[in-house]
Amino acid sequence: MHLIHAHLIGPGVLLPPGTASVLLDVAPPHIRLEHAVVHQEWSGEAVIGVYLLAADARQARTQAIRLFLLVTRPEGTLSGWLLVDLPGPLLNGLKGP
């Protein structure tokens, strides 16, 4: 299981109540979403952590991108929100700054 964090900006409001549960409900079967958690300290910005079953971190990131493209489209659950960052996995043997 892999944890991926999606950074979103939105229309200056809080995410709808129950966003994490809704993501679990709307994720298609090929996106193997096991759990979601929402972090939002102020209106218009949020981080959503998604736990995905995948063979590796790159596959999990691909699943997360597909999920957030689905839910942020005009008719999606998070219409009006924009995915602005979905950091990729660190490469083996490399350390951050």
N, C-alpha and C. Protein backbone atom coordinates (compact mmCIF):
# COMPACT_ATOMS: atom_id res chain seq x y z
N MET A 1 0.85 -1.17 0.00
CA MET A 1 0.00 0.00 0.00
C MET A 1 0.90 1.23 0.00
N HIS A 2 0.47 2.26 -0.74
CA HIS A 2 1.26 3.48 -0.89
C HIS A 2 0.41 4.69 -0.53
N LEU A 3 1.02 5.64 0.16
CA LEU A 3 0.35 6.89 0.50
C LEU A 3 0.81 7.96 -0.47
N ILE A 4 -0.15 8.60 -1.11
CA ILE A 4 0.13 9.70 -2.04
C ILE A 4 -0.63 10.92 -1.55
N HIS A 5 0.03 12.08 -1.54
CA HIS A 5 -0.62 13.32 -1.12
C HIS A 5 -0.92 14.19 -2.34
N ALA A 6 -2.16 14.59 -2.45
CA ALA A 6 -2.59 15.48 -3.53
C ALA A 6 -2.85 16.87 -2.95
N HIS A 7 -2.26 17.87 -3.57
CA HIS A 7 -2.45 19.26 -3.14
C HIS A 7 -3.44 19.92 -4.10
N LEU A 8 -4.49 20.47 -3.54
CA LEU A 8 -5.54 21.08 -4.35
C LEU A 8 -5.79 22.52 -3.92
N ILE A 9 -6.20 23.34 -4.88
CA ILE A 9 -6.70 24.67 -4.58
C ILE A 9 -8.12 24.73 -5.10
N GLY A 10 -8.93 25.55 -4.45
CA GLY A 10 -10.33 25.58 -4.82
C GLY A 10 -10.93 26.96 -4.79
N PRO A 11 -12.24 26.98 -4.83
CA PRO A 11 -12.98 28.24 -4.97
C PRO A 11 -13.11 29.04 -3.68
N GLY A 12 -12.16 28.94 -2.77
CA GLY A 12 -12.19 29.75 -1.56
C GLY A 12 -13.16 29.23 -0.51
N VAL A 13 -13.46 27.97 -0.57
CA VAL A 13 -14.38 27.36 0.40
C VAL A 13 -13.73 26.11 0.99
N LEU A 14 -14.35 25.57 2.02
CA LEU A 14 -13.90 24.30 2.55
C LEU A 14 -14.40 23.17 1.65
N LEU A 15 -13.67 22.07 1.65
CA LEU A 15 -14.14 20.89 0.92
C LEU A 15 -15.47 20.43 1.50
N PRO A 16 -16.30 19.81 0.69
CA PRO A 16 -17.58 19.33 1.21
C PRO A 16 -17.38 18.32 2.35
N PRO A 17 -18.30 18.32 3.32
CA PRO A 17 -18.20 17.33 4.39
C PRO A 17 -18.22 15.91 3.80
N GLY A 18 -17.46 15.02 4.40
CA GLY A 18 -17.45 13.64 3.93
C GLY A 18 -16.67 13.41 2.65
N THR A 19 -15.79 14.34 2.28
CA THR A 19 -15.03 14.21 1.03
C THR A 19 -14.26 12.89 0.98
N ALA A 20 -13.63 12.49 2.07
CA ALA A 20 -12.84 11.25 2.06
C ALA A 20 -13.74 10.05 1.74
N SER A 21 -14.91 9.99 2.35
CA SER A 21 -15.85 8.88 2.09
C SER A 21 -16.35 8.89 0.66
N VAL A 22 -16.60 10.09 0.15
CA VAL A 22 -17.09 10.21 -1.23
C VAL A 22 -16.03 9.71 -2.21
N LEU A 23 -14.77 10.02 -1.95
CA LEU A 23 -13.70 9.53 -2.84
C LEU A 23 -13.71 8.01 -2.89
N LEU A 24 -13.88 7.38 -1.74
CA LEU A 24 -13.94 5.91 -1.71
C LEU A 24 -15.13 5.40 -2.51
N ASP A 25 -16.24 6.11 -2.46
CA ASP A 25 -17.45 5.69 -3.17
C ASP A 25 -17.34 5.84 -4.69
N VAL A 26 -16.67 6.90 -5.14
CA VAL A 26 -16.65 7.18 -6.58
C VAL A 26 -15.43 6.59 -7.30
N ALA A 27 -14.43 6.13 -6.56
CA ALA A 27 -13.24 5.57 -7.21
C ALA A 27 -13.60 4.29 -7.96
N PRO A 28 -13.31 4.25 -9.27
CA PRO A 28 -13.60 3.03 -10.02
C PRO A 28 -12.70 1.88 -9.56
N PRO A 29 -13.09 0.64 -9.84
CA PRO A 29 -12.35 -0.53 -9.35
C PRO A 29 -10.87 -0.56 -9.76
N HIS A 30 -10.54 -0.04 -10.95
CA HIS A 30 -9.13 -0.09 -11.37
C HIS A 30 -8.24 0.87 -10.57
N ILE A 31 -8.86 1.81 -9.85
CA ILE A 31 -8.12 2.66 -8.92
C ILE A 31 -8.33 2.03 -7.55
N ARG A 32 -7.32 1.40 -7.05
CA ARG A 32 -7.45 0.56 -5.86
C ARG A 32 -7.26 1.39 -4.59
N LEU A 33 -8.24 2.27 -4.37
CA LEU A 33 -8.23 3.17 -3.23
C LEU A 33 -8.71 2.45 -1.98
N GLU A 34 -7.87 2.43 -0.95
CA GLU A 34 -8.19 1.74 0.30
C GLU A 34 -8.66 2.71 1.39
N HIS A 35 -8.12 3.92 1.39
CA HIS A 35 -8.43 4.87 2.46
C HIS A 35 -8.08 6.27 1.95
N ALA A 36 -8.78 7.27 2.47
CA ALA A 36 -8.48 8.66 2.14
C ALA A 36 -8.61 9.50 3.40
N VAL A 37 -7.79 10.53 3.50
CA VAL A 37 -7.85 11.45 4.63
C VAL A 37 -7.66 12.88 4.10
N VAL A 38 -8.46 13.80 4.64
CA VAL A 38 -8.45 15.19 4.18
C VAL A 38 -7.78 16.06 5.24
N HIS A 39 -6.87 16.91 4.79
CA HIS A 39 -6.22 17.90 5.65
C HIS A 39 -6.54 19.27 5.07
N GLN A 40 -7.25 20.09 5.84
CA GLN A 40 -7.58 21.42 5.35
C GLN A 40 -7.60 22.38 6.53
N GLU A 41 -6.66 23.32 6.52
CA GLU A 41 -6.57 24.29 7.61
C GLU A 41 -7.29 25.59 7.29
N TRP A 42 -7.47 25.91 6.01
CA TRP A 42 -8.18 27.13 5.63
C TRP A 42 -8.89 26.92 4.31
N SER A 43 -9.80 27.80 4.02
CA SER A 43 -10.60 27.69 2.81
C SER A 43 -9.73 27.84 1.57
N GLY A 44 -10.07 27.09 0.53
CA GLY A 44 -9.43 27.24 -0.76
C GLY A 44 -8.17 26.43 -0.98
N GLU A 45 -7.65 25.75 0.04
CA GLU A 45 -6.48 24.90 -0.11
C GLU A 45 -6.68 23.64 0.70
N ALA A 46 -6.25 22.51 0.14
CA ALA A 46 -6.40 21.24 0.86
C ALA A 46 -5.33 20.26 0.41
N VAL A 47 -5.03 19.34 1.30
CA VAL A 47 -4.19 18.19 0.97
C VAL A 47 -5.02 16.96 1.28
N ILE A 48 -5.09 16.06 0.31
CA ILE A 48 -5.82 14.81 0.50
C ILE A 48 -4.82 13.67 0.36
N GLY A 49 -4.72 12.87 1.40
CA GLY A 49 -3.87 11.69 1.36
C GLY A 49 -4.70 10.50 0.93
N VAL A 50 -4.21 9.78 -0.06
CA VAL A 50 -4.91 8.58 -0.52
C VAL A 50 -3.97 7.39 -0.38
N TYR A 51 -4.53 6.32 0.16
CA TYR A 51 -3.79 5.06 0.33
C TYR A 51 -4.24 4.12 -0.78
N LEU A 52 -3.31 3.75 -1.62
CA LEU A 52 -3.62 2.95 -2.81
C LEU A 52 -2.85 1.64 -2.82
N LEU A 53 -3.52 0.58 -3.25
CA LEU A 53 -2.85 -0.69 -3.48
C LEU A 53 -2.25 -0.65 -4.87
N ALA A 54 -0.95 -0.85 -4.96
CA ALA A 54 -0.26 -0.79 -6.24
C ALA A 54 1.04 -1.57 -6.13
N ALA A 55 1.55 -2.02 -7.27
CA ALA A 55 2.79 -2.79 -7.31
C ALA A 55 3.99 -1.96 -6.86
N ASP A 56 3.95 -0.66 -7.17
CA ASP A 56 5.05 0.22 -6.77
C ASP A 56 4.53 1.64 -6.64
N ALA A 57 5.40 2.53 -6.18
CA ALA A 57 5.01 3.91 -5.92
C ALA A 57 4.61 4.66 -7.20
N ARG A 58 5.26 4.36 -8.29
CA ARG A 58 4.91 5.03 -9.55
C ARG A 58 3.50 4.64 -10.01
N GLN A 59 3.16 3.37 -9.86
CA GLN A 59 1.82 2.93 -10.23
C GLN A 59 0.78 3.58 -9.30
N ALA A 60 1.10 3.70 -8.03
CA ALA A 60 0.20 4.36 -7.08
C ALA A 60 -0.01 5.82 -7.47
N ARG A 61 1.06 6.50 -7.86
CA ARG A 61 0.94 7.91 -8.28
C ARG A 61 0.07 8.02 -9.52
N THR A 62 0.22 7.11 -10.46
CA THR A 62 -0.61 7.11 -11.67
C THR A 62 -2.08 6.93 -11.30
N GLN A 63 -2.37 6.01 -10.38
CA GLN A 63 -3.74 5.80 -9.94
C GLN A 63 -4.29 7.08 -9.28
N ALA A 64 -3.47 7.74 -8.47
CA ALA A 64 -3.90 8.96 -7.80
C ALA A 64 -4.20 10.07 -8.81
N ILE A 65 -3.36 10.21 -9.82
CA ILE A 65 -3.61 11.21 -10.86
C ILE A 65 -4.95 10.93 -11.53
N ARG A 66 -5.19 9.69 -11.88
CA ARG A 66 -6.46 9.33 -12.52
C ARG A 66 -7.65 9.64 -11.62
N LEU A 67 -7.52 9.34 -10.34
CA LEU A 67 -8.60 9.61 -9.40
C LEU A 67 -8.90 11.11 -9.33
N PHE A 68 -7.87 11.93 -9.18
CA PHE A 68 -8.11 13.36 -9.03
C PHE A 68 -8.52 14.03 -10.34
N LEU A 69 -8.10 13.50 -11.47
CA LEU A 69 -8.63 14.02 -12.74
C LEU A 69 -10.12 13.70 -12.86
N LEU A 70 -10.52 12.55 -12.37
CA LEU A 70 -11.93 12.15 -12.39
C LEU A 70 -12.77 13.05 -11.50
N VAL A 71 -12.35 13.28 -10.28
CA VAL A 71 -13.20 14.00 -9.33
C VAL A 71 -13.16 15.51 -9.48
N THR A 72 -12.14 16.05 -10.18
CA THR A 72 -12.08 17.51 -10.36
C THR A 72 -12.63 17.97 -11.70
N ARG A 73 -13.11 17.06 -12.53
CA ARG A 73 -13.71 17.48 -13.80
C ARG A 73 -15.01 18.24 -13.49
N PRO A 74 -15.56 18.98 -14.47
CA PRO A 74 -16.72 19.82 -14.21
C PRO A 74 -17.91 19.11 -13.55
N GLU A 75 -18.14 17.85 -13.89
CA GLU A 75 -19.27 17.12 -13.29
C GLU A 75 -18.82 16.26 -12.11
N GLY A 76 -17.58 16.40 -11.68
CA GLY A 76 -17.04 15.56 -10.62
C GLY A 76 -17.40 16.04 -9.22
N THR A 77 -17.11 15.20 -8.27
CA THR A 77 -17.38 15.47 -6.86
C THR A 77 -16.70 16.74 -6.37
N LEU A 78 -15.49 17.01 -6.87
CA LEU A 78 -14.73 18.20 -6.46
C LEU A 78 -14.64 19.22 -7.58
N SER A 79 -15.72 19.37 -8.31
CA SER A 79 -15.78 20.37 -9.38
C SER A 79 -15.42 21.74 -8.81
N GLY A 80 -14.59 22.47 -9.52
CA GLY A 80 -14.14 23.78 -9.05
C GLY A 80 -12.80 23.72 -8.34
N TRP A 81 -12.37 22.54 -7.96
CA TRP A 81 -11.07 22.36 -7.34
C TRP A 81 -10.06 21.96 -8.40
N LEU A 82 -8.80 22.32 -8.19
CA LEU A 82 -7.74 22.05 -9.16
C LEU A 82 -6.59 21.33 -8.47
N LEU A 83 -6.18 20.22 -9.05
CA LEU A 83 -5.00 19.50 -8.58
C LEU A 83 -3.77 20.29 -9.00
N VAL A 84 -3.01 20.78 -8.02
CA VAL A 84 -1.84 21.61 -8.34
C VAL A 84 -0.52 20.91 -8.08
N ASP A 85 -0.54 19.85 -7.28
CA ASP A 85 0.71 19.14 -7.03
C ASP A 85 0.38 17.73 -6.54
N LEU A 86 1.14 16.80 -7.02
CA LEU A 86 1.03 15.42 -6.59
C LEU A 86 2.46 14.89 -6.62
N PRO A 87 3.20 15.16 -5.55
CA PRO A 87 4.63 14.83 -5.56
C PRO A 87 4.88 13.37 -5.90
N GLY A 88 5.88 13.14 -6.69
CA GLY A 88 6.23 11.79 -7.08
C GLY A 88 7.01 11.10 -5.98
N PRO A 89 7.14 9.81 -6.11
CA PRO A 89 7.89 9.06 -5.10
C PRO A 89 9.37 9.38 -5.16
N LEU A 90 10.02 9.30 -4.00
CA LEU A 90 11.47 9.46 -3.99
C LEU A 90 12.10 8.23 -4.63
N LEU A 91 13.18 8.43 -5.32
CA LEU A 91 13.88 7.32 -5.95
C LEU A 91 14.74 6.60 -4.93
N ASN A 92 14.86 5.31 -5.06
CA ASN A 92 15.69 4.54 -4.13
C ASN A 92 17.10 5.07 -4.11
N GLY A 93 17.64 5.24 -2.91
CA GLY A 93 19.02 5.68 -2.78
C GLY A 93 19.21 7.19 -2.78
N LEU A 94 18.17 7.95 -3.08
CA LEU A 94 18.28 9.40 -3.10
C LEU A 94 17.56 9.98 -1.89
N LYS A 95 18.12 11.01 -1.35
CA LYS A 95 17.52 11.67 -0.19
C LYS A 95 17.12 13.07 -0.59
N GLY A 96 16.12 13.58 0.10
CA GLY A 96 15.66 14.95 -0.16
C GLY A 96 16.67 15.97 0.34
N PRO A 97 16.33 17.26 0.21
CA PRO A 97 17.26 18.32 0.61
C PRO A 97 17.57 18.31 2.09
